């Protein structure tokens, strides 16, 4: 008895993804055609091919503008990462050794959770590049990129930030309300909350949700570091909005019976200095490709 036929998932060629990115970045088919060295009609055929493969509309077109559909926005995010991964793989074989220094900034949660393994792999594939890391809050890091003090910043942001002010979203994760296992802080009124400053996207999500519920709260603990937030939770001094991946051990997600507001996803984004050097571009591509596998 022969095995049942399993339908094969179609492959999206890199050329199609490259054209998608070019159309988004240039704003129209004619300009994108120059970027990818094709005719406008060939670009139109590529878009048609993508939409046929996916069974979804990718662009909304009128006489003057071309904009991405919601499905197109999702595809664009993946396309950038796939193309970055392709560049990184090919670079290992056909490009000369790149050398230099990259100044990278990251908030502590990202630095602790993601960077050790990502930078280890980058060091193995790009031994000529030195990466200097600074760990600070996202607001400060954005300013340091603008002022030329660092080359790349990873930052916590809202998922709607993708494409705004030079921010590229690399990773999405749920936020949840966290408390001590068996703790009673959540039962207090006003609710004691641990957050950081006004630039923190976790703070914004949590406090706006509480305000929408007309729930009384007070800022009981403030820390720029996730370790400080966890200390406040473990001491049962406060509850806090945290990434779901941080919930383990004696820190638990707060039960729905306490009726705390549902929290949105947060994003980990990246911004890169304009006119980036070859080492900076290599590091940025490595981060894109690494987060694509998370």
Protein backbone atom coordinates (compact mmCIF):
# COMPACT_ATOMS: atom_id res chain seq x y z
CA UNK A 1 0.00 0.00 0.00
CA UNK A 2 1.51 3.29 -1.08
CA UNK A 3 1.85 6.19 1.32
CA UNK A 4 -0.78 8.93 0.98
CA UNK A 5 0.23 11.92 -1.10
CA UNK A 6 1.13 14.95 1.02
CA UNK A 7 0.66 18.29 -0.76
CA UNK A 8 3.92 20.22 -1.04
CA UNK A 9 4.07 23.79 0.24
CA UNK A 10 5.06 26.05 -2.66
CA UNK A 11 8.35 27.91 -2.51
CA UNK A 12 8.57 31.69 -2.73
CA UNK A 13 11.65 32.46 -4.80
CA UNK A 14 14.09 35.02 -3.45
CA UNK A 15 13.56 37.16 -6.56
CA UNK A 16 9.88 37.52 -5.67
CA UNK A 17 10.70 38.56 -2.12
CA UNK A 18 13.31 41.04 -3.37
CA UNK A 19 10.70 42.61 -5.65
CA UNK A 20 8.19 42.83 -2.80
CA UNK A 21 10.71 44.74 -0.67
CA UNK A 22 11.63 47.02 -3.57
CA UNK A 23 7.99 47.94 -4.25
CA UNK A 24 7.42 48.72 -0.59
CA UNK A 25 10.59 50.80 -0.30
CA UNK A 26 10.10 52.78 -3.53
CA UNK A 27 6.32 53.15 -3.43
CA UNK A 28 5.51 52.09 -6.99
CA UNK A 29 6.11 49.40 -9.58
CA UNK A 30 8.12 51.57 -12.00
CA UNK A 31 10.70 52.63 -9.43
CA UNK A 32 10.91 49.09 -8.06
CA UNK A 33 11.54 47.78 -11.58
CA UNK A 34 14.70 49.92 -11.79
CA UNK A 35 15.91 48.58 -8.43
CA UNK A 36 15.51 44.91 -9.43
CA UNK A 37 16.54 45.46 -13.08
CA UNK A 38 13.24 44.34 -14.57
CA UNK A 39 10.51 45.98 -16.62
CA UNK A 40 7.38 47.28 -14.85
CA UNK A 41 5.32 44.59 -16.59
CA UNK A 42 7.71 41.90 -15.29
CA UNK A 43 7.34 43.31 -11.78
CA UNK A 44 3.55 43.15 -12.14
CA UNK A 45 3.83 39.51 -13.19
CA UNK A 46 5.97 38.77 -10.12
CA UNK A 47 3.34 40.31 -7.84
CA UNK A 48 0.66 38.26 -9.58
CA UNK A 49 2.79 35.14 -9.05
CA UNK A 50 3.15 35.87 -5.33
CA UNK A 51 -0.55 36.44 -4.89
CA UNK A 52 -1.39 33.24 -6.76
CA UNK A 53 1.02 31.20 -4.62
CA UNK A 54 -0.33 32.62 -1.37
CA UNK A 55 -3.97 32.90 -2.36
CA UNK A 56 -4.00 36.39 -0.82
CA UNK A 57 -3.76 39.95 -2.10
CA UNK A 58 -0.37 41.45 -1.24
CA UNK A 59 -0.86 45.01 -2.51
CA UNK A 60 -3.74 47.46 -2.82
CA UNK A 61 -3.28 49.40 -6.05
CA UNK A 62 -4.89 52.54 -7.44
CA UNK A 63 -3.90 55.02 -10.13
CA UNK A 64 -1.26 56.72 -7.97
CA UNK A 65 -0.21 54.60 -5.01
CA UNK A 66 0.69 51.07 -4.07
CA UNK A 67 0.21 50.01 -0.43
CA UNK A 68 0.58 46.70 1.34
CA UNK A 69 -2.41 44.76 2.55
CA UNK A 70 -2.27 43.33 6.07
CA UNK A 71 -1.12 40.03 4.56
CA UNK A 72 1.45 41.95 2.55
CA UNK A 73 2.83 43.57 5.71
CA UNK A 74 3.28 40.13 7.29
CA UNK A 75 4.99 38.85 4.13
CA UNK A 76 7.28 41.90 4.02
CA UNK A 77 8.50 41.26 7.55
CA UNK A 78 9.41 37.67 6.67
CA UNK A 79 10.88 38.70 3.30
CA UNK A 80 13.39 41.05 4.90
CA UNK A 81 14.57 38.30 7.24
CA UNK A 82 14.81 35.63 4.54
CA UNK A 83 16.83 37.96 2.30
CA UNK A 84 19.10 38.86 5.23
CA UNK A 85 19.68 35.17 5.94
CA UNK A 86 20.49 34.57 2.27
CA UNK A 87 23.01 37.43 2.26
CA UNK A 88 24.66 36.10 5.40
CA UNK A 89 24.96 32.57 4.03
CA UNK A 90 26.34 33.64 0.65
CA UNK A 91 28.73 36.14 2.25
CA UNK A 92 30.54 33.29 3.96
CA UNK A 93 31.68 31.98 0.58
CA UNK A 94 32.03 34.83 -1.89
CA UNK A 95 32.88 38.03 -0.02
CA UNK A 96 36.29 39.04 1.36
CA UNK A 97 36.90 39.08 5.09
CA UNK A 98 35.15 42.03 6.72
CA UNK A 99 36.85 43.65 9.68
CA UNK A 100 35.97 46.49 12.02
CA UNK A 101 34.14 47.46 15.20
CA UNK A 102 30.37 47.48 15.71
CA UNK A 103 28.82 49.36 18.63
CA UNK A 104 25.61 47.60 19.63
CA UNK A 105 23.08 48.71 22.24
CA UNK A 106 20.31 46.59 23.77
CA UNK A 107 17.91 46.65 26.72
CA UNK A 108 18.85 44.22 29.47
CA UNK A 109 16.11 41.68 28.76
CA UNK A 110 17.25 41.32 25.14
CA UNK A 111 20.92 41.35 26.13
CA UNK A 112 20.40 38.54 28.63
CA UNK A 113 18.07 36.37 26.60
CA UNK A 114 19.17 36.72 22.98
CA UNK A 115 22.60 38.26 22.56
CA UNK A 116 24.94 35.66 24.11
CA UNK A 117 24.24 32.93 21.56
CA UNK A 118 23.67 35.33 18.66
CA UNK A 119 26.99 37.12 19.23
CA UNK A 120 28.78 33.81 19.74
CA UNK A 121 27.63 32.63 16.31
CA UNK A 122 28.49 35.99 14.77
CA UNK A 123 32.00 35.81 16.20
CA UNK A 124 32.45 32.38 14.65
CA UNK A 125 31.34 33.50 11.18
CA UNK A 126 32.87 37.01 11.27
CA UNK A 127 36.09 36.73 13.30
CA UNK A 128 37.38 40.05 11.99
CA UNK A 129 34.52 42.07 13.51
CA UNK A 130 34.57 43.18 17.14
CA UNK A 131 31.17 43.90 18.73
CA UNK A 132 31.10 46.26 21.70
CA UNK A 133 27.81 46.08 23.62
CA UNK A 134 26.14 48.65 25.85
CA UNK A 135 23.06 47.74 27.90
CA UNK A 136 20.64 50.61 28.52
CA UNK A 137 16.98 51.56 28.16
CA UNK A 138 15.42 51.76 24.71
CA UNK A 139 14.77 55.52 24.80
CA UNK A 140 18.43 56.26 25.54
CA UNK A 141 19.64 53.83 22.88
CA UNK A 142 17.55 55.44 20.14
CA UNK A 143 19.09 58.81 20.96
CA UNK A 144 22.58 57.32 20.92
CA UNK A 145 22.04 55.97 17.40
CA UNK A 146 20.81 59.39 16.25
CA UNK A 147 23.86 61.05 17.81
CA UNK A 148 26.28 58.56 16.22
CA UNK A 149 27.42 57.12 19.55
CA UNK A 150 26.36 53.57 18.65
CA UNK A 151 25.73 51.83 15.32
CA UNK A 152 22.84 49.47 16.07
CA UNK A 153 20.19 49.51 18.78
CA UNK A 154 17.80 46.75 19.72
CA UNK A 155 14.79 48.25 21.49
CA UNK A 156 11.44 47.32 22.96
CA UNK A 157 8.58 48.95 21.08
CA UNK A 158 5.01 48.45 19.90
CA UNK A 159 4.49 46.12 16.96
CA UNK A 160 2.97 49.02 15.01
CA UNK A 161 6.41 50.68 15.08
CA UNK A 162 7.65 48.58 12.14
CA UNK A 163 8.85 50.93 9.39
CA UNK A 164 8.49 54.08 11.50
CA UNK A 165 11.46 56.30 12.35
CA UNK A 166 13.90 53.72 11.03
CA UNK A 167 12.66 50.94 13.33
CA UNK A 168 12.46 47.40 11.95
CA UNK A 169 10.51 44.89 14.05
CA UNK A 170 12.43 41.63 14.47
CA UNK A 171 10.45 39.71 17.08
CA UNK A 172 6.99 39.71 18.70
CA UNK A 173 6.01 38.30 22.08
CA UNK A 174 2.99 38.41 24.39
CA UNK A 175 3.02 40.54 27.52
CA UNK A 176 1.35 39.09 30.62
CA UNK A 177 0.71 40.25 34.16
CA UNK A 178 3.20 38.56 36.47
CA UNK A 179 3.10 38.04 40.22
CA UNK A 180 4.68 35.93 42.93
CA UNK A 181 3.53 32.35 43.21
CA UNK A 182 1.04 32.34 46.09
CA UNK A 183 1.44 36.13 46.45
CA UNK A 184 -1.24 38.57 47.52
CA UNK A 185 0.00 41.83 45.96
CA UNK A 186 -2.61 41.46 43.21
CA UNK A 187 -5.37 41.60 45.85
CA UNK A 188 -4.36 45.04 47.13
CA UNK A 189 -6.23 48.23 46.32
CA UNK A 190 -4.79 50.36 44.86
CA UNK A 191 -2.92 47.74 42.87
CA UNK A 192 0.88 47.96 43.44
CA UNK A 193 2.66 47.94 40.08
CA UNK A 194 6.34 47.68 39.16
CA UNK A 195 7.33 49.51 35.96
CA UNK A 196 10.04 51.70 34.51
CA UNK A 197 9.92 55.22 33.01
CA UNK A 198 7.46 56.70 30.52
CA UNK A 199 9.46 55.50 27.54
CA UNK A 200 8.91 51.84 28.45
CA UNK A 201 6.43 50.06 26.18
CA UNK A 202 5.65 47.52 28.93
CA UNK A 203 4.70 50.36 31.28
CA UNK A 204 2.52 52.00 28.62
CA UNK A 205 0.64 48.77 27.92
CA UNK A 206 0.05 47.98 31.59
CA UNK A 207 -0.94 51.42 32.84
CA UNK A 208 -3.15 52.23 29.87
CA UNK A 209 -4.96 48.93 30.38
CA UNK A 210 -5.53 49.66 34.07
CA UNK A 211 -6.71 53.19 33.28
CA UNK A 212 -9.19 51.83 30.71
CA UNK A 213 -10.63 49.61 33.46
CA UNK A 214 -10.72 52.55 35.88
CA UNK A 215 -8.65 50.32 38.15
CA UNK A 216 -6.85 52.13 40.96
CA UNK A 217 -3.11 51.53 41.06
CA UNK A 218 0.11 52.97 42.41
CA UNK A 219 3.70 52.76 41.20
CA UNK A 220 5.20 50.72 44.03
CA UNK A 221 8.56 49.87 42.43
CA UNK A 222 10.59 51.30 39.56
CA UNK A 223 13.56 49.66 37.88
CA UNK A 224 15.21 49.99 34.48
CA UNK A 225 16.21 46.32 34.59
CA UNK A 226 14.10 43.20 34.34
CA UNK A 227 16.05 41.75 37.27
CA UNK A 228 14.71 44.61 39.40
CA UNK A 229 11.17 43.97 38.21
CA UNK A 230 11.53 40.30 39.10
CA UNK A 231 12.91 41.16 42.55
CA UNK A 232 9.83 43.28 43.28
CA UNK A 233 7.56 40.45 42.15
CA UNK A 234 9.37 37.77 44.15
CA UNK A 235 9.16 39.95 47.28
CA UNK A 236 5.41 40.25 46.62
CA UNK A 237 5.73 44.03 46.59
CA UNK A 238 4.05 44.47 43.22
CA UNK A 239 2.78 42.93 40.02
CA UNK A 240 4.27 43.82 36.64
CA UNK A 241 3.73 43.42 32.90
CA UNK A 242 6.47 41.08 31.63
CA UNK A 243 7.19 39.03 28.49
CA UNK A 244 5.64 35.59 28.68
CA UNK A 245 9.06 33.98 28.29
CA UNK A 246 10.11 35.55 31.60
CA UNK A 247 7.38 33.73 33.52
CA UNK A 248 8.94 30.75 35.28
CA UNK A 249 9.80 29.40 38.71
CA UNK A 250 8.23 31.43 41.51
CA UNK A 251 7.08 34.10 39.06
CA UNK A 252 3.73 33.13 37.57
CA UNK A 253 1.12 34.60 35.24
CA UNK A 254 -1.67 36.14 37.30
CA UNK A 255 -4.93 34.21 37.20
CA UNK A 256 -7.74 35.61 35.05
CA UNK A 257 -10.02 35.67 38.11
CA UNK A 258 -8.26 38.85 39.23
CA UNK A 259 -9.60 40.60 36.13
CA UNK A 260 -6.45 42.45 35.17
CA UNK A 261 -6.58 43.94 31.65
CA UNK A 262 -5.40 41.81 28.75
CA UNK A 263 -2.02 43.02 27.52
CA UNK A 264 -0.95 43.28 23.86
CA UNK A 265 2.12 41.87 22.21
CA UNK A 266 5.27 43.91 22.42
CA UNK A 267 7.96 44.03 19.78
CA UNK A 268 11.71 43.90 19.79
CA UNK A 269 12.87 46.25 17.07
CA UNK A 270 16.15 47.33 15.56
CA UNK A 271 17.41 50.65 14.28
CA UNK A 272 20.69 51.03 12.37
CA UNK A 273 22.76 54.13 11.80
CA UNK A 274 22.44 55.67 8.31
CA UNK A 275 25.32 54.99 5.91
CA UNK A 276 26.28 51.93 7.92
CA UNK A 277 29.73 50.41 7.32
CA UNK A 278 30.19 46.89 5.99
CA UNK A 279 30.77 45.43 9.49
CA UNK A 280 27.61 47.15 10.79
CA UNK A 281 25.57 45.86 7.85
CA UNK A 282 26.92 42.35 8.47
CA UNK A 283 25.95 42.50 12.15
CA UNK A 284 22.49 43.85 11.33
CA UNK A 285 21.91 41.07 8.78
CA UNK A 286 23.05 38.50 11.33
CA UNK A 287 20.54 39.82 13.89
CA UNK A 288 17.73 39.75 11.33
CA UNK A 289 18.53 36.18 10.36
CA UNK A 290 18.92 35.08 14.00
CA UNK A 291 15.58 36.52 15.09
CA UNK A 292 13.91 34.97 12.05
CA UNK A 293 14.75 31.60 13.62
CA UNK A 294 13.39 32.44 17.07
